[in-house]
Each structure stands twice: as structure tokens, then as C-alpha cells.
């Protein structure tokens, strides 16, 4: 059990999908082919113009994906039909379906921060390899921020070093 717990955010479904389906990898490769160098690994950030290019790149791939919620709803519909309850709850199910409708561009924009983090790390790898990716990812780490906060607070730091 750690002395201090830090809630690192989970990655969004669209970001996970883009990463696992090599869209982020492919964009980073194309980016590196067009740009011979980038700022230092620690300070590299993707510009809004580059992010817009990423959106266009992604949309040109014509990707589609289903969230876990959509998959569970599909399973629920199958169960409701097999148990003969579907007609009774059809209006509610349709309302849920409508609420869950998404399009890739809207999801990319909604989860922009997650996707930018992955893009920055992946692009940095093209120039500075694994070390650069690690250095770049540190700028977004809640754990690092918490560690710095504790180290600046001498009393808190010393209390953690004392045996319990």
C-alpha cells in the first residue's frame, strides 16, 4: 500500500481505441516525416493546428468504435428480447440509444486532453526514443506533482519517513 495515493485518470475509450488501432502511431510517424525536429522532449506540445490535422487524419481513416456502454446496451436489448420485456421498455431503450449516439469527431474533441497526451508522447518517441517519451509524459503526471508538493512541505515529507 503506498504512503500517498494519487488518482491517475483513466484513458478515455476513444483515446484507447485510437491508440490500439495504430491511428496515433501512424499520425506520429507522418508528423515525424514532415518535421525534422521538435522542441526538447520535456517541453514538446502539439499545437491546435496539428491537433486539427490529427482530426482530419483520423476521420480519413473512417474508424468506428463502440463504447463499453453501447456494448452493454446491445447485450441488454438481447436479454430484454429473449425475456419478452423489450416491447415494455422499448421507448426507454430508444432514449438511451439516442443519448449514447456519438460521432468520432465530437469524441475526439471532448477527450482532446487525453488524446493530446498520447500524441505528444508518441511523437516525442520519434525524436528522443523511450527516454524522451518518459520525459514528455512527466509533465502530465499527477504523481510527479504530488511528489513535488510533498517534498516542498518538510513536515509532511518527514512524517512519511517515520516508521508507523
C-alpha atoms as a PDB file:
ATOM      1  CA  UNK A   1       0.000   0.000   0.000  1.00  0.00           C
ATOM      2  CA  UNK A   2       1.512   3.353  -0.982  1.00  0.00           C
ATOM      3  CA  UNK A   3       2.079   6.098   1.591  1.00  0.00           C
ATOM      4  CA  UNK A   4       0.201   8.567  -0.582  1.00  0.00           C
ATOM      5  CA  UNK A   5      -2.470   7.634  -3.071  1.00  0.00           C
ATOM      6  CA  UNK A   6      -2.859   9.646  -6.265  1.00  0.00           C
ATOM      7  CA  UNK A   7      -5.853   9.245  -8.544  1.00  0.00           C
ATOM      8  CA  UNK A   8      -4.426   8.966 -12.055  1.00  0.00           C
ATOM      9  CA  UNK A   9      -7.193   9.381 -14.593  1.00  0.00           C
ATOM     10  CA  UNK A  10      -8.188   6.507 -16.823  1.00  0.00           C
ATOM     11  CA  UNK A  11      -7.819   6.975 -20.523  1.00  0.00           C
ATOM     12  CA  UNK A  12     -10.989   7.646 -22.498  1.00  0.00           C
ATOM     13  CA  UNK A  13     -12.495   4.951 -24.733  1.00  0.00           C
ATOM     14  CA  UNK A  14     -11.826   6.930 -27.930  1.00  0.00           C
ATOM     15  CA  UNK A  15      -8.189   7.563 -26.952  1.00  0.00           C
ATOM     16  CA  UNK A  16      -7.741   3.863 -26.153  1.00  0.00           C
ATOM     17  CA  UNK A  17      -9.302   2.929 -29.489  1.00  0.00           C
ATOM     18  CA  UNK A  18      -7.140   5.364 -31.460  1.00  0.00           C
ATOM     19  CA  UNK A  19      -4.018   4.105 -29.713  1.00  0.00           C
ATOM     20  CA  UNK A  20      -4.745   0.385 -30.023  1.00  0.00           C
ATOM     21  CA  UNK A  21      -5.746   0.727 -33.682  1.00  0.00           C
ATOM     22  CA  UNK A  22      -2.478   2.477 -34.564  1.00  0.00           C
ATOM     23  CA  UNK A  23      -4.093   5.792 -35.549  1.00  0.00           C
ATOM     24  CA  UNK A  24      -1.944   7.727 -33.072  1.00  0.00           C
ATOM     25  CA  UNK A  25       1.130   5.734 -34.104  1.00  0.00           C
ATOM     26  CA  UNK A  26       0.518   6.407 -37.809  1.00  0.00           C
ATOM     27  CA  UNK A  27      -0.083  10.119 -37.256  1.00  0.00           C
ATOM     28  CA  UNK A  28       3.113  10.397 -35.206  1.00  0.00           C
ATOM     29  CA  UNK A  29       5.055   8.660 -37.973  1.00  0.00           C
ATOM     30  CA  UNK A  30       3.622  11.044 -40.592  1.00  0.00           C
ATOM     31  CA  UNK A  31       4.335  14.012 -38.319  1.00  0.00           C
ATOM     32  CA  UNK A  32       7.968  12.967 -37.926  1.00  0.00           C
ATOM     33  CA  UNK A  33       8.333  12.542 -41.697  1.00  0.00           C
ATOM     34  CA  UNK A  34       7.158  16.133 -42.230  1.00  0.00           C
ATOM     35  CA  UNK A  35       9.009  17.736 -39.296  1.00  0.00           C
ATOM     36  CA  UNK A  36      12.737  17.152 -38.991  1.00  0.00           C
ATOM     37  CA  UNK A  37      12.923  18.288 -35.357  1.00  0.00           C
ATOM     38  CA  UNK A  38      10.803  19.290 -32.384  1.00  0.00           C
ATOM     39  CA  UNK A  39      11.382  21.179 -29.160  1.00  0.00           C
ATOM     40  CA  UNK A  40      13.005  19.325 -26.306  1.00  0.00           C
ATOM     41  CA  UNK A  41      11.208  16.208 -25.156  1.00  0.00           C
ATOM     42  CA  UNK A  42      10.222  17.839 -21.871  1.00  0.00           C
ATOM     43  CA  UNK A  43       8.577  20.849 -23.468  1.00  0.00           C
ATOM     44  CA  UNK A  44       7.093  19.426 -26.669  1.00  0.00           C
ATOM     45  CA  UNK A  45       3.383  20.080 -27.067  1.00  0.00           C
ATOM     46  CA  UNK A  46       1.162  19.572 -30.056  1.00  0.00           C
ATOM     47  CA  UNK A  47      -0.349  22.771 -31.420  1.00  0.00           C
ATOM     48  CA  UNK A  48      -4.050  23.284 -32.058  1.00  0.00           C
ATOM     49  CA  UNK A  49      -3.322  23.355 -35.790  1.00  0.00           C
ATOM     50  CA  UNK A  50      -1.564  19.981 -35.517  1.00  0.00           C
ATOM     51  CA  UNK A  51      -4.460  18.630 -33.483  1.00  0.00           C
ATOM     52  CA  UNK A  52      -6.843  19.738 -36.224  1.00  0.00           C
ATOM     53  CA  UNK A  53      -4.621  17.847 -38.688  1.00  0.00           C
ATOM     54  CA  UNK A  54      -4.913  14.814 -36.440  1.00  0.00           C
ATOM     55  CA  UNK A  55      -8.708  15.074 -36.504  1.00  0.00           C
ATOM     56  CA  UNK A  56      -8.701  15.213 -40.316  1.00  0.00           C
ATOM     57  CA  UNK A  57      -6.237  12.308 -40.444  1.00  0.00           C
ATOM     58  CA  UNK A  58      -8.419  10.241 -38.120  1.00  0.00           C
ATOM     59  CA  UNK A  59     -11.627  10.994 -39.996  1.00  0.00           C
ATOM     60  CA  UNK A  60      -9.961   9.975 -43.256  1.00  0.00           C
ATOM     61  CA  UNK A  61      -9.399   6.532 -41.690  1.00  0.00           C
ATOM     62  CA  UNK A  62     -13.177   6.113 -41.384  1.00  0.00           C
ATOM     63  CA  UNK A  63     -12.873   4.477 -37.980  1.00  0.00           C
ATOM     64  CA  UNK A  64     -15.818   3.377 -35.922  1.00  0.00           C
ATOM     65  CA  UNK A  65     -15.991   2.023 -32.441  1.00  0.00           C
ATOM     66  CA  UNK A  66     -18.455   1.058 -29.768  1.00  0.00           C
ATOM     67  CA  UNK A  67     -18.052   2.101 -26.184  1.00  0.00           C
ATOM     68  CA  UNK A  68     -18.455  -0.442 -23.414  1.00  0.00           C
ATOM     69  CA  UNK A  69     -21.745   1.278 -22.574  1.00  0.00           C
ATOM     70  CA  UNK A  70     -23.041   0.689 -26.104  1.00  0.00           C
ATOM     71  CA  UNK A  71     -21.948  -2.950 -25.976  1.00  0.00           C
ATOM     72  CA  UNK A  72     -23.719  -3.430 -22.642  1.00  0.00           C
ATOM     73  CA  UNK A  73     -26.850  -1.804 -24.026  1.00  0.00           C
ATOM     74  CA  UNK A  74     -26.772  -4.188 -27.006  1.00  0.00           C
ATOM     75  CA  UNK A  75     -26.484  -7.088 -24.580  1.00  0.00           C
ATOM     76  CA  UNK A  76     -29.329  -5.674 -22.501  1.00  0.00           C
ATOM     77  CA  UNK A  77     -31.518  -5.427 -25.628  1.00  0.00           C
ATOM     78  CA  UNK A  78     -30.804  -9.073 -26.484  1.00  0.00           C
ATOM     79  CA  UNK A  79     -31.710 -10.105 -22.958  1.00  0.00           C
ATOM     80  CA  UNK A  80     -34.864  -7.966 -22.921  1.00  0.00           C
ATOM     81  CA  UNK A  81     -35.962  -9.523 -26.202  1.00  0.00           C
ATOM     82  CA  UNK A  82     -35.249 -13.070 -25.064  1.00  0.00           C
ATOM     83  CA  UNK A  83     -37.184 -12.469 -21.838  1.00  0.00           C
ATOM     84  CA  UNK A  84     -40.014 -10.794 -23.796  1.00  0.00           C
ATOM     85  CA  UNK A  85     -39.642  -7.437 -21.981  1.00  0.00           C
ATOM     86  CA  UNK A  86     -38.391  -5.461 -24.959  1.00  0.00           C
ATOM     87  CA  UNK A  87     -41.761  -4.024 -26.030  1.00  0.00           C
ATOM     88  CA  UNK A  88     -42.408  -2.873 -22.468  1.00  0.00           C
ATOM     89  CA  UNK A  89     -39.150  -0.856 -22.280  1.00  0.00           C
ATOM     90  CA  UNK A  90     -38.603  -0.050 -25.950  1.00  0.00           C
ATOM     91  CA  UNK A  91     -39.148   3.722 -25.528  1.00  0.00           C
ATOM     92  CA  UNK A  92     -36.621   3.894 -22.692  1.00  0.00           C
ATOM     93  CA  UNK A  93     -34.112   1.843 -24.673  1.00  0.00           C
ATOM     94  CA  UNK A  94     -34.507   4.119 -27.687  1.00  0.00           C
ATOM     95  CA  UNK A  95     -33.966   7.149 -25.451  1.00  0.00           C
ATOM     96  CA  UNK A  96     -30.759   5.547 -24.134  1.00  0.00           C
ATOM     97  CA  UNK A  97     -29.600   4.785 -27.669  1.00  0.00           C
ATOM     98  CA  UNK A  98     -30.222   8.392 -28.681  1.00  0.00           C
ATOM     99  CA  UNK A  99     -28.275   9.647 -25.667  1.00  0.00           C
ATOM    100  CA  UNK A 100     -25.357   7.393 -26.491  1.00  0.00           C
ATOM    101  CA  UNK A 101     -25.082   8.329 -30.155  1.00  0.00           C
ATOM    102  CA  UNK A 102     -21.635   9.714 -30.766  1.00  0.00           C
ATOM    103  CA  UNK A 103     -19.524  10.670 -33.644  1.00  0.00           C
ATOM    104  CA  UNK A 104     -15.789  10.298 -33.792  1.00  0.00           C
ATOM    105  CA  UNK A 105     -15.009  13.998 -34.236  1.00  0.00           C
ATOM    106  CA  UNK A 106     -17.122  15.020 -31.243  1.00  0.00           C
ATOM    107  CA  UNK A 107     -15.493  12.316 -29.112  1.00  0.00           C
ATOM    108  CA  UNK A 108     -12.010  13.386 -30.187  1.00  0.00           C
ATOM    109  CA  UNK A 109     -12.778  16.981 -29.252  1.00  0.00           C
ATOM    110  CA  UNK A 110     -14.433  16.002 -25.968  1.00  0.00           C
ATOM    111  CA  UNK A 111     -11.412  13.902 -24.949  1.00  0.00           C
ATOM    112  CA  UNK A 112      -8.833  16.222 -26.509  1.00  0.00           C
ATOM    113  CA  UNK A 113      -6.594  16.298 -23.426  1.00  0.00           C
ATOM    114  CA  UNK A 114      -6.267  12.502 -23.293  1.00  0.00           C
ATOM    115  CA  UNK A 115      -5.538  12.277 -26.988  1.00  0.00           C
ATOM    116  CA  UNK A 116      -3.063  15.183 -26.960  1.00  0.00           C
ATOM    117  CA  UNK A 117      -1.120  13.477 -24.165  1.00  0.00           C
ATOM    118  CA  UNK A 118      -0.852  10.281 -26.190  1.00  0.00           C
ATOM    119  CA  UNK A 119       0.081  12.159 -29.364  1.00  0.00           C
ATOM    120  CA  UNK A 120       2.778  14.171 -27.609  1.00  0.00           C
ATOM    121  CA  UNK A 121       4.311  11.060 -26.091  1.00  0.00           C
ATOM    122  CA  UNK A 122       4.167   9.129 -29.367  1.00  0.00           C
ATOM    123  CA  UNK A 123       5.601  11.985 -31.436  1.00  0.00           C
ATOM    124  CA  UNK A 124       8.352  12.565 -28.887  1.00  0.00           C
ATOM    125  CA  UNK A 125       9.363   8.904 -29.266  1.00  0.00           C
ATOM    126  CA  UNK A 126      10.158   9.573 -32.922  1.00  0.00           C
ATOM    127  CA  UNK A 127      12.845  12.084 -31.969  1.00  0.00           C
ATOM    128  CA  UNK A 128      14.030  11.178 -28.466  1.00  0.00           C
ATOM    129  CA  UNK A 129      13.050   7.499 -28.207  1.00  0.00           C
ATOM    130  CA  UNK A 130      11.844   5.968 -24.940  1.00  0.00           C
ATOM    131  CA  UNK A 131      13.716   8.405 -22.721  1.00  0.00           C
ATOM    132  CA  UNK A 132      12.075  11.338 -24.494  1.00  0.00           C
ATOM    133  CA  UNK A 133       8.632   9.799 -24.197  1.00  0.00           C
ATOM    134  CA  UNK A 134       9.138   9.355 -20.467  1.00  0.00           C
ATOM    135  CA  UNK A 135      10.402  12.914 -20.050  1.00  0.00           C
ATOM    136  CA  UNK A 136       7.471  14.247 -22.048  1.00  0.00           C
ATOM    137  CA  UNK A 137       4.908  12.253 -20.083  1.00  0.00           C
ATOM    138  CA  UNK A 138       6.248  13.541 -16.757  1.00  0.00           C
ATOM    139  CA  UNK A 139       4.807  16.987 -17.449  1.00  0.00           C
ATOM    140  CA  UNK A 140       1.305  15.493 -17.186  1.00  0.00           C
ATOM    141  CA  UNK A 141       1.837  13.234 -14.204  1.00  0.00           C
ATOM    142  CA  UNK A 142      -0.275  13.778 -11.113  1.00  0.00           C
ATOM    143  CA  UNK A 143       2.124  11.534  -9.198  1.00  0.00           C
ATOM    144  CA  UNK A 144       5.041  13.827 -10.010  1.00  0.00           C
ATOM    145  CA  UNK A 145       3.060  16.898  -8.976  1.00  0.00           C
ATOM    146  CA  UNK A 146       2.122  15.250  -5.676  1.00  0.00           C
ATOM    147  CA  UNK A 147       5.734  14.203  -5.035  1.00  0.00           C
ATOM    148  CA  UNK A 148       6.954  17.758  -5.612  1.00  0.00           C
ATOM    149  CA  UNK A 149       4.238  19.101  -3.330  1.00  0.00           C
ATOM    150  CA  UNK A 150       5.291  16.705  -0.546  1.00  0.00           C
ATOM    151  CA  UNK A 151       8.982  17.459  -0.969  1.00  0.00           C
ATOM    152  CA  UNK A 152       8.273  21.181  -0.596  1.00  0.00           C
ATOM    153  CA  UNK A 153       6.442  20.512   2.686  1.00  0.00           C
ATOM    154  CA  UNK A 154       9.219  19.466   5.072  1.00  0.00           C
ATOM    155  CA  UNK A 155       6.861  18.336   7.862  1.00  0.00           C
ATOM    156  CA  UNK A 156       4.807  16.148   5.531  1.00  0.00           C
ATOM    157  CA  UNK A 157       7.961  14.730   3.945  1.00  0.00           C
ATOM    158  CA  UNK A 158       9.498  13.854   7.320  1.00  0.00           C
ATOM    159  CA  UNK A 159       6.239  12.319   8.585  1.00  0.00           C
ATOM    160  CA  UNK A 160       6.271   9.915   5.682  1.00  0.00           C
ATOM    161  CA  UNK A 161       9.794   8.793   6.534  1.00  0.00           C
ATOM    162  CA  UNK A 162       8.946   7.908  10.131  1.00  0.00           C
ATOM    163  CA  UNK A 163       8.073   4.267  10.844  1.00  0.00           C
ATOM    164  CA  UNK A 164       4.433   3.603  11.679  1.00  0.00           C
END
